[in-house]
């Protein structure tokens, strides 16, 4: 089902989906109409515009989760403001988002039709129960923020520990949950979340607020040490360029079209395997596709410990499944156990 206040955009999105074999069972021009049509048609997935007259996308998502829970893909503007409202939509129950090129009404969507169709199909397959638990559980990241920096949460690790975390669909909330629960230690973290450039800075800010770690968006030449984390910048790949005395240095590489996603976790993980000679941990969380499979295998071959999120707690069991299938994953954990496993295993 397609929800957008612009008749042009509703028609364009519906045509793109129909041409790709995705049946569009209904349309709506605002949130109130969307609730009624969803209740009647019971679609597998809803594409939801953010800005609409009357009931907007944010309120509609929240009401939908209460009345007729249905996986929602938000269509948001590819801007800083769009990023802000998109994260709020994810907090309210949306599974994922699609950043519309060029703004609110744009034929640029046509050029991104394959990506849109892939996102719709992925969200339609989402485990909504897992997404709801991830968002609403009382032990979630938001409820633990006040305790995340306490001495009781500190942990000893065997030497400087470097962690690379990969995630895609369902990842923003999952990564936040893991990082907020990660005990302060001699640990530095690099996070690769599939996300466009306008969104990764805001994501880093959210993680910084949610955890005891000092989190920022990666920049070319950035360095981090113990208690610090970087979020890979959208639109480029983040490579670990050097490692000395417990400090990482990263560099950003432009996408060369050899990867289906940018940033790609495979790139970051392979560079970590090549460069870091102290204890190393690779983590694959919820997401669609196969990114991180090659990277986690490279990390395992280099002697790193490797972890994957369990199927039952994933919104999309795609990336973790592919990683496990490589034989390169040492341990599989429920989402709430990942943080403890990162620092609790033998590094």
C-alpha atoms as a PDB file:
ATOM      1  CA  UNK A   1       0.000   0.000   0.000  1.00  0.00           C
ATOM      2  CA  UNK A   2       1.251   3.482  -0.924  1.00  0.00           C
ATOM      3  CA  UNK A   3       0.619   6.512   1.299  1.00  0.00           C
ATOM      4  CA  UNK A   4       1.574   9.956  -0.007  1.00  0.00           C
ATOM      5  CA  UNK A   5      -0.258  13.290  -0.213  1.00  0.00           C
ATOM      6  CA  UNK A   6       1.004  13.853  -3.782  1.00  0.00           C
ATOM      7  CA  UNK A   7      -1.139  12.074  -6.412  1.00  0.00           C
ATOM      8  CA  UNK A   8       1.870  12.203  -8.726  1.00  0.00           C
ATOM      9  CA  UNK A   9       4.125  10.425  -6.219  1.00  0.00           C
ATOM     10  CA  UNK A  10       1.429   7.863  -5.367  1.00  0.00           C
ATOM     11  CA  UNK A  11       1.061   7.036  -9.029  1.00  0.00           C
ATOM     12  CA  UNK A  12       4.800   6.949  -9.659  1.00  0.00           C
ATOM     13  CA  UNK A  13       5.573   4.689  -6.699  1.00  0.00           C
ATOM     14  CA  UNK A  14       2.636   2.419  -7.460  1.00  0.00           C
ATOM     15  CA  UNK A  15       3.744   2.068 -11.092  1.00  0.00           C
ATOM     16  CA  UNK A  16       7.360   1.314 -10.121  1.00  0.00           C
ATOM     17  CA  UNK A  17       6.260  -1.370  -7.686  1.00  0.00           C
ATOM     18  CA  UNK A  18       3.681  -2.880 -10.037  1.00  0.00           C
ATOM     19  CA  UNK A  19       6.203  -3.019 -12.885  1.00  0.00           C
ATOM     20  CA  UNK A  20       8.495  -5.020 -10.591  1.00  0.00           C
ATOM     21  CA  UNK A  21       5.763  -7.510  -9.718  1.00  0.00           C
ATOM     22  CA  UNK A  22       4.757  -6.005  -6.361  1.00  0.00           C
ATOM     23  CA  UNK A  23       0.960  -5.820  -6.157  1.00  0.00           C
ATOM     24  CA  UNK A  24      -0.290  -2.454  -4.895  1.00  0.00           C
ATOM     25  CA  UNK A  25      -3.570  -3.141  -3.106  1.00  0.00           C
ATOM     26  CA  UNK A  26      -4.392   0.403  -2.024  1.00  0.00           C
ATOM     27  CA  UNK A  27      -3.403   4.055  -1.858  1.00  0.00           C
ATOM     28  CA  UNK A  28      -4.034   6.879   0.610  1.00  0.00           C
ATOM     29  CA  UNK A  29      -3.391  10.623   0.636  1.00  0.00           C
ATOM     30  CA  UNK A  30      -3.020  11.129   4.391  1.00  0.00           C
ATOM     31  CA  UNK A  31      -2.575   9.227   7.618  1.00  0.00           C
ATOM     32  CA  UNK A  32      -6.255   9.032   8.538  1.00  0.00           C
ATOM     33  CA  UNK A  33      -7.169   7.501   5.188  1.00  0.00           C
ATOM     34  CA  UNK A  34      -4.193   5.166   5.464  1.00  0.00           C
ATOM     35  CA  UNK A  35      -5.431   3.688   8.743  1.00  0.00           C
ATOM     36  CA  UNK A  36      -8.807   2.942   7.176  1.00  0.00           C
ATOM     37  CA  UNK A  37      -7.399   1.379   4.005  1.00  0.00           C
ATOM     38  CA  UNK A  38      -4.852  -0.730   5.912  1.00  0.00           C
ATOM     39  CA  UNK A  39      -7.578  -2.091   8.172  1.00  0.00           C
ATOM     40  CA  UNK A  40      -9.627  -3.043   5.103  1.00  0.00           C
ATOM     41  CA  UNK A  41      -6.917  -4.330   2.748  1.00  0.00           C
ATOM     42  CA  UNK A  42      -4.390  -5.772   5.253  1.00  0.00           C
ATOM     43  CA  UNK A  43      -1.316  -5.183   3.048  1.00  0.00           C
ATOM     44  CA  UNK A  44       2.031  -6.875   3.685  1.00  0.00           C
ATOM     45  CA  UNK A  45       3.844  -3.532   3.783  1.00  0.00           C
ATOM     46  CA  UNK A  46       3.059   0.188   3.714  1.00  0.00           C
ATOM     47  CA  UNK A  47       5.185   2.904   2.122  1.00  0.00           C
ATOM     48  CA  UNK A  48       4.548   6.006   4.227  1.00  0.00           C
ATOM     49  CA  UNK A  49       5.330   9.619   3.359  1.00  0.00           C
ATOM     50  CA  UNK A  50       6.384  11.796   6.289  1.00  0.00           C
ATOM     51  CA  UNK A  51       4.915  15.225   5.528  1.00  0.00           C
ATOM     52  CA  UNK A  52       1.182  15.119   4.798  1.00  0.00           C
ATOM     53  CA  UNK A  53      -1.741  17.430   5.627  1.00  0.00           C
ATOM     54  CA  UNK A  54      -3.966  16.349   8.478  1.00  0.00           C
ATOM     55  CA  UNK A  55      -2.496  13.240  10.072  1.00  0.00           C
ATOM     56  CA  UNK A  56       1.153  13.047   9.033  1.00  0.00           C
ATOM     57  CA  UNK A  57       3.351  10.015   8.700  1.00  0.00           C
ATOM     58  CA  UNK A  58       4.684  10.009  12.260  1.00  0.00           C
ATOM     59  CA  UNK A  59       1.280   9.907  13.913  1.00  0.00           C
ATOM     60  CA  UNK A  60       0.035   7.430  11.318  1.00  0.00           C
ATOM     61  CA  UNK A  61       2.883   4.995  12.042  1.00  0.00           C
ATOM     62  CA  UNK A  62       2.239   5.179  15.766  1.00  0.00           C
ATOM     63  CA  UNK A  63      -1.514   4.654  15.330  1.00  0.00           C
ATOM     64  CA  UNK A  64      -0.933   1.850  12.848  1.00  0.00           C
ATOM     65  CA  UNK A  65       1.283  -0.052  15.275  1.00  0.00           C
ATOM     66  CA  UNK A  66      -1.444   0.236  17.911  1.00  0.00           C
ATOM     67  CA  UNK A  67      -4.440  -0.610  15.729  1.00  0.00           C
ATOM     68  CA  UNK A  68      -3.298  -2.779  12.801  1.00  0.00           C
ATOM     69  CA  UNK A  69       0.413  -3.611  13.160  1.00  0.00           C
ATOM     70  CA  UNK A  70       1.922  -3.635   9.660  1.00  0.00           C
ATOM     71  CA  UNK A  71       5.534  -3.281   8.477  1.00  0.00           C
ATOM     72  CA  UNK A  72       6.147   0.310   7.371  1.00  0.00           C
ATOM     73  CA  UNK A  73       8.784   1.726   5.031  1.00  0.00           C
ATOM     74  CA  UNK A  74       9.113   5.489   5.530  1.00  0.00           C
ATOM     75  CA  UNK A  75       9.782   7.641   2.474  1.00  0.00           C
ATOM     76  CA  UNK A  76      11.749  10.611   3.703  1.00  0.00           C
ATOM     77  CA  UNK A  77      13.589  13.595   2.278  1.00  0.00           C
ATOM     78  CA  UNK A  78      17.330  13.109   1.694  1.00  0.00           C
ATOM     79  CA  UNK A  79      18.192  15.972   4.091  1.00  0.00           C
ATOM     80  CA  UNK A  80      19.335  16.573   7.674  1.00  0.00           C
ATOM     81  CA  UNK A  81      15.747  17.479   8.582  1.00  0.00           C
ATOM     82  CA  UNK A  82      14.575  14.327   6.851  1.00  0.00           C
ATOM     83  CA  UNK A  83      17.021  12.305   8.918  1.00  0.00           C
ATOM     84  CA  UNK A  84      15.713  13.757  12.171  1.00  0.00           C
ATOM     85  CA  UNK A  85      12.089  12.908  11.468  1.00  0.00           C
ATOM     86  CA  UNK A  86      13.016   9.502  10.030  1.00  0.00           C
ATOM     87  CA  UNK A  87      14.685   8.406  13.251  1.00  0.00           C
ATOM     88  CA  UNK A  88      11.586   9.504  15.123  1.00  0.00           C
ATOM     89  CA  UNK A  89       9.512   7.347  12.767  1.00  0.00           C
ATOM     90  CA  UNK A  90      11.767   4.368  13.500  1.00  0.00           C
ATOM     91  CA  UNK A  91      11.274   5.024  17.203  1.00  0.00           C
ATOM     92  CA  UNK A  92       7.517   4.947  16.677  1.00  0.00           C
ATOM     93  CA  UNK A  93       7.539   1.623  14.858  1.00  0.00           C
ATOM     94  CA  UNK A  94       8.636   1.984  11.226  1.00  0.00           C
ATOM     95  CA  UNK A  95      10.895  -0.884  10.123  1.00  0.00           C
ATOM     96  CA  UNK A  96      13.109   0.988   7.655  1.00  0.00           C
ATOM     97  CA  UNK A  97      13.250   4.059   5.435  1.00  0.00           C
ATOM     98  CA  UNK A  98      13.888   5.034   1.824  1.00  0.00           C
ATOM     99  CA  UNK A  99      15.492   8.433   1.280  1.00  0.00           C
ATOM    100  CA  UNK A 100      13.811  10.038  -1.742  1.00  0.00           C
ATOM    101  CA  UNK A 101      16.360  11.649  -4.077  1.00  0.00           C
ATOM    102  CA  UNK A 102      15.694  15.313  -4.682  1.00  0.00           C
ATOM    103  CA  UNK A 103      13.141  15.928  -1.966  1.00  0.00           C
ATOM    104  CA  UNK A 104       9.452  15.410  -1.441  1.00  0.00           C
ATOM    105  CA  UNK A 105       8.253  15.203  -5.048  1.00  0.00           C
ATOM    106  CA  UNK A 106      10.895  13.835  -7.363  1.00  0.00           C
ATOM    107  CA  UNK A 107      11.165  11.814 -10.524  1.00  0.00           C
ATOM    108  CA  UNK A 108      14.582  10.861  -9.114  1.00  0.00           C
ATOM    109  CA  UNK A 109      12.738   8.013  -7.418  1.00  0.00           C
ATOM    110  CA  UNK A 110      12.482   6.374 -10.836  1.00  0.00           C
ATOM    111  CA  UNK A 111      16.271   6.195 -11.067  1.00  0.00           C
ATOM    112  CA  UNK A 112      16.296   4.432  -7.696  1.00  0.00           C
ATOM    113  CA  UNK A 113      13.483   2.037  -8.534  1.00  0.00           C
ATOM    114  CA  UNK A 114      15.495  -1.134  -7.917  1.00  0.00           C
ATOM    115  CA  UNK A 115      16.538   0.100  -4.490  1.00  0.00           C
ATOM    116  CA  UNK A 116      12.948   1.054  -3.656  1.00  0.00           C
ATOM    117  CA  UNK A 117      11.584  -2.325  -4.711  1.00  0.00           C
ATOM    118  CA  UNK A 118      14.290  -4.135  -2.752  1.00  0.00           C
ATOM    119  CA  UNK A 119      13.485  -2.063   0.345  1.00  0.00           C
ATOM    120  CA  UNK A 120       9.752  -2.751   0.034  1.00  0.00           C
ATOM    121  CA  UNK A 121      10.299  -6.488  -0.304  1.00  0.00           C
ATOM    122  CA  UNK A 122      12.727  -6.515   2.594  1.00  0.00           C
ATOM    123  CA  UNK A 123      10.375  -4.639   4.917  1.00  0.00           C
ATOM    124  CA  UNK A 124       7.490  -6.906   3.894  1.00  0.00           C
ATOM    125  CA  UNK A 125       9.558  -9.843   5.170  1.00  0.00           C
ATOM    126  CA  UNK A 126      10.393  -8.145   8.475  1.00  0.00           C
ATOM    127  CA  UNK A 127       9.696  -9.876  11.778  1.00  0.00           C
ATOM    128  CA  UNK A 128       7.418  -7.234  13.269  1.00  0.00           C
ATOM    129  CA  UNK A 129       7.377  -9.003  16.634  1.00  0.00           C
ATOM    130  CA  UNK A 130      11.181  -8.773  16.833  1.00  0.00           C
ATOM    131  CA  UNK A 131      11.061  -5.122  15.827  1.00  0.00           C
ATOM    132  CA  UNK A 132       8.479  -4.384  18.508  1.00  0.00           C
ATOM    133  CA  UNK A 133      10.481  -6.178  21.208  1.00  0.00           C
ATOM    134  CA  UNK A 134      13.626  -4.346  20.122  1.00  0.00           C
ATOM    135  CA  UNK A 135      11.857  -1.002  20.385  1.00  0.00           C
ATOM    136  CA  UNK A 136       9.581  -1.442  23.398  1.00  0.00           C
ATOM    137  CA  UNK A 137      11.329  -3.838  25.802  1.00  0.00           C
ATOM    138  CA  UNK A 138      11.844  -2.145  29.197  1.00  0.00           C
ATOM    139  CA  UNK A 139      15.504  -3.168  29.112  1.00  0.00           C
ATOM    140  CA  UNK A 140      15.985  -1.245  25.867  1.00  0.00           C
ATOM    141  CA  UNK A 141      18.735   1.250  25.182  1.00  0.00           C
ATOM    142  CA  UNK A 142      16.658   4.279  26.073  1.00  0.00           C
ATOM    143  CA  UNK A 143      15.800   2.978  29.526  1.00  0.00           C
ATOM    144  CA  UNK A 144      19.415   2.124  30.314  1.00  0.00           C
ATOM    145  CA  UNK A 145      21.062   5.371  29.226  1.00  0.00           C
ATOM    146  CA  UNK A 146      21.335   6.769  32.732  1.00  0.00           C
ATOM    147  CA  UNK A 147      23.340   3.761  33.901  1.00  0.00           C
ATOM    148  CA  UNK A 148      25.517   3.177  30.857  1.00  0.00           C
ATOM    149  CA  UNK A 149      28.570   5.001  32.177  1.00  0.00           C
ATOM    150  CA  UNK A 150      28.563   3.692  35.731  1.00  0.00           C
ATOM    151  CA  UNK A 151      31.524   1.906  37.338  1.00  0.00           C
ATOM    152  CA  UNK A 152      29.407  -1.214  37.727  1.00  0.00           C
ATOM    153  CA  UNK A 153      29.176  -1.427  33.960  1.00  0.00           C
ATOM    154  CA  UNK A 154      32.933  -1.230  33.416  1.00  0.00           C
ATOM    155  CA  UNK A 155      34.651  -4.348  32.114  1.00  0.00           C
ATOM    156  CA  UNK A 156      38.168  -5.671  31.890  1.00  0.00           C
ATOM    157  CA  UNK A 157      39.277  -6.971  28.518  1.00  0.00           C
ATOM    158  CA  UNK A 158      42.419  -8.801  27.558  1.00  0.00           C
ATOM    159  CA  UNK A 159      44.332  -5.950  25.956  1.00  0.00           C
ATOM    160  CA  UNK A 160      43.047  -3.211  23.630  1.00  0.00           C
ATOM    161  CA  UNK A 161      39.892  -4.507  21.956  1.00  0.00           C
ATOM    162  CA  UNK A 162      38.663  -3.406  18.526  1.00  0.00           C
ATOM    163  CA  UNK A 163      35.057  -4.134  17.523  1.00  0.00           C
ATOM    164  CA  UNK A 164      33.498  -3.833  14.053  1.00  0.00           C
ATOM    165  CA  UNK A 165      29.679  -3.946  13.975  1.00  0.00           C
ATOM    166  CA  UNK A 166      27.673  -4.383  10.756  1.00  0.00           C
ATOM    167  CA  UNK A 167      23.913  -3.832  10.365  1.00  0.00           C
ATOM    168  CA  UNK A 168      21.232  -2.909   7.840  1.00  0.00           C
ATOM    169  CA  UNK A 169      17.418  -3.186   8.016  1.00  0.00           C
ATOM    170  CA  UNK A 170      16.347  -2.977  11.654  1.00  0.00           C
ATOM    171  CA  UNK A 171      19.871  -1.938  12.533  1.00  0.00           C
ATOM    172  CA  UNK A 172      19.491   1.585  13.958  1.00  0.00           C
ATOM    173  CA  UNK A 173      17.588   0.385  17.017  1.00  0.00           C
ATOM    174  CA  UNK A 174      19.653  -2.820  17.305  1.00  0.00           C
ATOM    175  CA  UNK A 175      22.985  -0.982  17.165  1.00  0.00           C
ATOM    176  CA  UNK A 176      21.771   1.563  19.696  1.00  0.00           C
ATOM    177  CA  UNK A 177      20.699  -1.230  22.005  1.00  0.00           C
ATOM    178  CA  UNK A 178      24.063  -2.991  21.768  1.00  0.00           C
ATOM    179  CA  UNK A 179      26.187   0.113  22.178  1.00  0.00           C
ATOM    180  CA  UNK A 180      24.155   1.457  25.101  1.00  0.00           C
ATOM    181  CA  UNK A 181      24.673  -1.869  26.902  1.00  0.00           C
ATOM    182  CA  UNK A 182      28.359  -2.199  26.002  1.00  0.00           C
ATOM    183  CA  UNK A 183      30.404  -1.821  29.195  1.00  0.00           C
ATOM    184  CA  UNK A 184      33.074   0.846  29.213  1.00  0.00           C
ATOM    185  CA  UNK A 185      36.405  -0.870  28.588  1.00  0.00           C
ATOM    186  CA  UNK A 186      39.668  -0.564  26.694  1.00  0.00           C
ATOM    187  CA  UNK A 187      37.570  -0.889  23.571  1.00  0.00           C
ATOM    188  CA  UNK A 188      37.188   1.044  20.341  1.00  0.00           C
ATOM    189  CA  UNK A 189      34.221   0.471  18.008  1.00  0.00           C
ATOM    190  CA  UNK A 190      33.580   0.991  14.290  1.00  0.00           C
ATOM    191  CA  UNK A 191      29.935   0.763  13.189  1.00  0.00           C
ATOM    192  CA  UNK A 192      28.835   0.164   9.608  1.00  0.00           C
ATOM    193  CA  UNK A 193      25.111   0.801   9.254  1.00  0.00           C
ATOM    194  CA  UNK A 194      23.666   0.930   5.727  1.00  0.00           C
ATOM    195  CA  UNK A 195      22.459   4.506   5.595  1.00  0.00           C
ATOM    196  CA  UNK A 196      22.781   7.516   3.239  1.00  0.00           C
ATOM    197  CA  UNK A 197      25.209  10.325   3.968  1.00  0.00           C
ATOM    198  CA  UNK A 198      22.609  12.779   5.247  1.00  0.00           C
ATOM    199  CA  UNK A 199      21.653  10.297   7.964  1.00  0.00           C
ATOM    200  CA  UNK A 200      24.900   8.920   9.419  1.00  0.00           C
ATOM    201  CA  UNK A 201      25.888  12.060  11.311  1.00  0.00           C
ATOM    202  CA  UNK A 202      22.526  12.148  13.074  1.00  0.00           C
ATOM    203  CA  UNK A 203      22.817   8.429  13.790  1.00  0.00           C
ATOM    204  CA  UNK A 204      26.223   8.989  15.396  1.00  0.00           C
ATOM    205  CA  UNK A 205      24.708  11.720  17.579  1.00  0.00           C
ATOM    206  CA  UNK A 206      21.949   9.364  18.718  1.00  0.00           C
ATOM    207  CA  UNK A 207      24.467   6.690  19.652  1.00  0.00           C
ATOM    208  CA  UNK A 208      26.595   9.235  21.472  1.00  0.00           C
ATOM    209  CA  UNK A 209      23.589  10.265  23.559  1.00  0.00           C
ATOM    210  CA  UNK A 210      22.554   6.657  24.200  1.00  0.00           C
ATOM    211  CA  UNK A 211      25.880   5.209  25.344  1.00  0.00           C
ATOM    212  CA  UNK A 212      28.894   5.799  27.533  1.00  0.00           C
ATOM    213  CA  UNK A 213      31.102   5.792  24.439  1.00  0.00           C
ATOM    214  CA  UNK A 214      32.189   8.940  22.615  1.00  0.00           C
ATOM    215  CA  UNK A 215      30.595   8.410  19.192  1.00  0.00           C
ATOM    216  CA  UNK A 216      31.037  10.497  16.051  1.00  0.00           C
ATOM    217  CA  UNK A 217      30.707  10.119  12.311  1.00  0.00           C
ATOM    218  CA  UNK A 218      33.836   8.892  10.546  1.00  0.00           C
ATOM    219  CA  UNK A 219      35.910  11.439   8.648  1.00  0.00           C
ATOM    220  CA  UNK A 220      38.991  10.898   6.526  1.00  0.00           C
ATOM    221  CA  UNK A 221      41.987  10.486   8.831  1.00  0.00           C
ATOM    222  CA  UNK A 222      39.893  10.262  12.018  1.00  0.00           C
ATOM    223  CA  UNK A 223      41.483   8.499  14.979  1.00  0.00           C
ATOM    224  CA  UNK A 224      39.847   6.760  17.929  1.00  0.00           C
ATOM    225  CA  UNK A 225      41.108   5.116  21.089  1.00  0.00           C
ATOM    226  CA  UNK A 226      39.599   3.424  24.123  1.00  0.00           C
ATOM    227  CA  UNK A 227      36.010   4.399  24.873  1.00  0.00           C
ATOM    228  CA  UNK A 228      35.434   5.896  21.423  1.00  0.00           C
ATOM    229  CA  UNK A 229      33.398   4.825  18.395  1.00  0.00           C
ATOM    230  CA  UNK A 230      32.968   5.832  14.762  1.00  0.00           C
ATOM    231  CA  UNK A 231      29.934   5.470  12.506  1.00  0.00           C
ATOM    232  CA  UNK A 232      30.894   4.851   8.871  1.00  0.00           C
ATOM    233  CA  UNK A 233      29.833   7.810   6.753  1.00  0.00           C
ATOM    234  CA  UNK A 234      27.155   7.175   4.151  1.00  0.00           C
ATOM    235  CA  UNK A 235      28.227   7.492   0.548  1.00  0.00           C
ATOM    236  CA  UNK A 236      31.773   6.185   1.076  1.00  0.00           C
ATOM    237  CA  UNK A 237      33.572   3.179   2.520  1.00  0.00           C
ATOM    238  CA  UNK A 238      35.418   3.347   5.837  1.00  0.00           C
ATOM    239  CA  UNK A 239      38.742   1.502   5.940  1.00  0.00           C
ATOM    240  CA  UNK A 240      40.917   0.983   8.994  1.00  0.00           C
ATOM    241  CA  UNK A 241      44.123   2.487   7.676  1.00  0.00           C
ATOM    242  CA  UNK A 242      46.481   2.000  10.613  1.00  0.00           C
ATOM    243  CA  UNK A 243      46.599   0.779  14.196  1.00  0.00           C
ATOM    244  CA  UNK A 244      49.248   1.787  16.721  1.00  0.00           C
ATOM    245  CA  UNK A 245      49.336   1.746  20.521  1.00  0.00           C
ATOM    246  CA  UNK A 246      45.620   1.106  20.856  1.00  0.00           C
ATOM    247  CA  UNK A 247      44.556   3.867  18.435  1.00  0.00           C
ATOM    248  CA  UNK A 248      42.849   3.343  15.094  1.00  0.00           C
ATOM    249  CA  UNK A 249      43.107   5.631  12.102  1.00  0.00           C
ATOM    250  CA  UNK A 250      40.535   5.385   9.318  1.00  0.00           C
ATOM    251  CA  UNK A 251      40.353   6.646   5.779  1.00  0.00           C
ATOM    252  CA  UNK A 252      37.330   7.095   3.546  1.00  0.00           C
ATOM    253  CA  UNK A 253      37.213   5.667   0.032  1.00  0.00           C
ATOM    254  CA  UNK A 254      34.724   6.562  -2.656  1.00  0.00           C
ATOM    255  CA  UNK A 255      32.430   3.797  -3.851  1.00  0.00           C
ATOM    256  CA  UNK A 256      33.809   2.026  -6.921  1.00  0.00           C
ATOM    257  CA  UNK A 257      30.487   0.326  -7.785  1.00  0.00           C
ATOM    258  CA  UNK A 258      31.894  -3.069  -6.821  1.00  0.00           C
ATOM    259  CA  UNK A 259      29.617  -3.199  -3.756  1.00  0.00           C
ATOM    260  CA  UNK A 260      25.839  -3.182  -3.631  1.00  0.00           C
ATOM    261  CA  UNK A 261      25.807  -0.955  -0.537  1.00  0.00           C
ATOM    262  CA  UNK A 262      27.776   2.078   0.573  1.00  0.00           C
ATOM    263  CA  UNK A 263      29.176   1.995   3.200  1.00  0.00           C
ATOM    264  CA  UNK A 264      29.990  -1.712   2.946  1.00  0.00           C
ATOM    265  CA  UNK A 265      30.842  -3.690   6.065  1.00  0.00           C
ATOM    266  CA  UNK A 266      32.928  -6.090   3.976  1.00  0.00           C
ATOM    267  CA  UNK A 267      35.379  -3.275   3.229  1.00  0.00           C
ATOM    268  CA  UNK A 268      35.733  -2.224   6.857  1.00  0.00           C
ATOM    269  CA  UNK A 269      35.972  -5.767   8.202  1.00  0.00           C
ATOM    270  CA  UNK A 270      38.598  -6.859   5.684  1.00  0.00           C
ATOM    271  CA  UNK A 271      40.724  -3.821   6.485  1.00  0.00           C
ATOM    272  CA  UNK A 272      40.413  -4.539  10.208  1.00  0.00           C
ATOM    273  CA  UNK A 273      41.535  -8.118   9.627  1.00  0.00           C
ATOM    274  CA  UNK A 274      44.588  -6.883   7.745  1.00  0.00           C
ATOM    275  CA  UNK A 275      45.626  -4.056  10.070  1.00  0.00           C
ATOM    276  CA  UNK A 276      44.646  -4.743  13.692  1.00  0.00           C
ATOM    277  CA  UNK A 277      47.039  -7.048  15.560  1.00  0.00           C
ATOM    278  CA  UNK A 278      45.427  -6.762  19.002  1.00  0.00           C
ATOM    279  CA  UNK A 279      42.195  -8.540  20.079  1.00  0.00           C
ATOM    280  CA  UNK A 280      39.495  -8.094  17.442  1.00  0.00           C
ATOM    281  CA  UNK A 281      35.753  -8.842  17.391  1.00  0.00           C
ATOM    282  CA  UNK A 282      33.372  -8.808  14.411  1.00  0.00           C
ATOM    283  CA  UNK A 283      29.609  -8.533  14.916  1.00  0.00           C
ATOM    284  CA  UNK A 284      26.829  -8.980  12.342  1.00  0.00           C
ATOM    285  CA  UNK A 285      23.391  -7.702  13.325  1.00  0.00           C
ATOM    286  CA  UNK A 286      19.990  -7.651  11.602  1.00  0.00           C
ATOM    287  CA  UNK A 287      19.825  -6.701   7.942  1.00  0.00           C
ATOM    288  CA  UNK A 288      19.032  -7.816   4.421  1.00  0.00           C
ATOM    289  CA  UNK A 289      21.571  -8.990   1.878  1.00  0.00           C
ATOM    290  CA  UNK A 290      24.995 -10.565   2.175  1.00  0.00           C
ATOM    291  CA  UNK A 291      27.218  -7.635   3.154  1.00  0.00           C
ATOM    292  CA  UNK A 292      29.586  -8.612   6.021  1.00  0.00           C
ATOM    293  CA  UNK A 293      29.714 -12.283   4.981  1.00  0.00           C
ATOM    294  CA  UNK A 294      33.089 -11.937   3.259  1.00  0.00           C
ATOM    295  CA  UNK A 295      34.269  -9.521   5.925  1.00  0.00           C
ATOM    296  CA  UNK A 296      33.397 -11.749   8.862  1.00  0.00           C
ATOM    297  CA  UNK A 297      35.138 -14.661   7.150  1.00  0.00           C
ATOM    298  CA  UNK A 298      38.262 -12.531   6.704  1.00  0.00           C
ATOM    299  CA  UNK A 299      38.157 -11.500  10.362  1.00  0.00           C
ATOM    300  CA  UNK A 300      37.751 -15.120  11.473  1.00  0.00           C
ATOM    301  CA  UNK A 301      40.675 -16.175   9.294  1.00  0.00           C
ATOM    302  CA  UNK A 302      42.760 -13.458  10.966  1.00  0.00           C
ATOM    303  CA  UNK A 303      41.993 -14.872  14.414  1.00  0.00           C
ATOM    304  CA  UNK A 304      39.200 -12.529  15.459  1.00  0.00           C
ATOM    305  CA  UNK A 305      36.220 -13.611  17.519  1.00  0.00           C
ATOM    306  CA  UNK A 306      33.044 -13.375  15.436  1.00  0.00           C
ATOM    307  CA  UNK A 307      29.440 -12.989  16.575  1.00  0.00           C
ATOM    308  CA  UNK A 308      26.063 -12.924  14.841  1.00  0.00           C
ATOM    309  CA  UNK A 309      22.600 -11.957  16.036  1.00  0.00           C
ATOM    310  CA  UNK A 310      20.145 -14.830  16.455  1.00  0.00           C
ATOM    311  CA  UNK A 311      17.378 -15.350  13.917  1.00  0.00           C
ATOM    312  CA  UNK A 312      14.636 -15.007  16.516  1.00  0.00           C
ATOM    313  CA  UNK A 313      15.717 -11.498  17.521  1.00  0.00           C
ATOM    314  CA  UNK A 314      16.460 -10.167  14.011  1.00  0.00           C
ATOM    315  CA  UNK A 315      14.042  -7.895  12.177  1.00  0.00           C
ATOM    316  CA  UNK A 316      15.575  -9.315   8.973  1.00  0.00           C
ATOM    317  CA  UNK A 317      17.656 -12.497   9.243  1.00  0.00           C
ATOM    318  CA  UNK A 318      19.647 -11.893   6.083  1.00  0.00           C
ATOM    319  CA  UNK A 319      23.137 -10.622   6.856  1.00  0.00           C
ATOM    320  CA  UNK A 320      23.585 -12.803   9.969  1.00  0.00           C
ATOM    321  CA  UNK A 321      22.387 -15.864   8.062  1.00  0.00           C
ATOM    322  CA  UNK A 322      24.861 -15.261   5.225  1.00  0.00           C
ATOM    323  CA  UNK A 323      27.637 -14.707   7.744  1.00  0.00           C
ATOM    324  CA  UNK A 324      26.868 -17.948   9.563  1.00  0.00           C
ATOM    325  CA  UNK A 325      26.775 -19.830   6.270  1.00  0.00           C
ATOM    326  CA  UNK A 326      30.422 -18.885   5.611  1.00  0.00           C
ATOM    327  CA  UNK A 327      31.471 -20.902   8.650  1.00  0.00           C
ATOM    328  CA  UNK A 328      33.207 -17.816   9.977  1.00  0.00           C
ATOM    329  CA  UNK A 329      30.901 -17.102  12.939  1.00  0.00           C
ATOM    330  CA  UNK A 330      32.018 -18.380  16.345  1.00  0.00           C
ATOM    331  CA  UNK A 331      28.924 -17.507  18.371  1.00  0.00           C
ATOM    332  CA  UNK A 332      25.252 -16.659  17.811  1.00  0.00           C
ATOM    333  CA  UNK A 333      23.517 -14.548  20.450  1.00  0.00           C
ATOM    334  CA  UNK A 334      20.152 -12.932  21.092  1.00  0.00           C
ATOM    335  CA  UNK A 335      20.337  -9.163  20.665  1.00  0.00           C
ATOM    336  CA  UNK A 336      20.316  -8.431  24.400  1.00  0.00           C
ATOM    337  CA  UNK A 337      23.300 -10.738  24.922  1.00  0.00           C
ATOM    338  CA  UNK A 338      25.527  -9.306  22.193  1.00  0.00           C
ATOM    339  CA  UNK A 339      27.102  -6.518  24.261  1.00  0.00           C
ATOM    340  CA  UNK A 340      28.132  -8.902  27.019  1.00  0.00           C
ATOM    341  CA  UNK A 341      29.490 -11.375  24.479  1.00  0.00           C
ATOM    342  CA  UNK A 342      31.658  -8.690  22.898  1.00  0.00           C
ATOM    343  CA  UNK A 343      33.631  -8.077  26.077  1.00  0.00           C
ATOM    344  CA  UNK A 344      32.951 -11.367  27.834  1.00  0.00           C
ATOM    345  CA  UNK A 345      34.607 -13.834  25.486  1.00  0.00           C
ATOM    346  CA  UNK A 346      38.258 -14.639  25.226  1.00  0.00           C
ATOM    347  CA  UNK A 347      39.709 -12.050  22.890  1.00  0.00           C
END
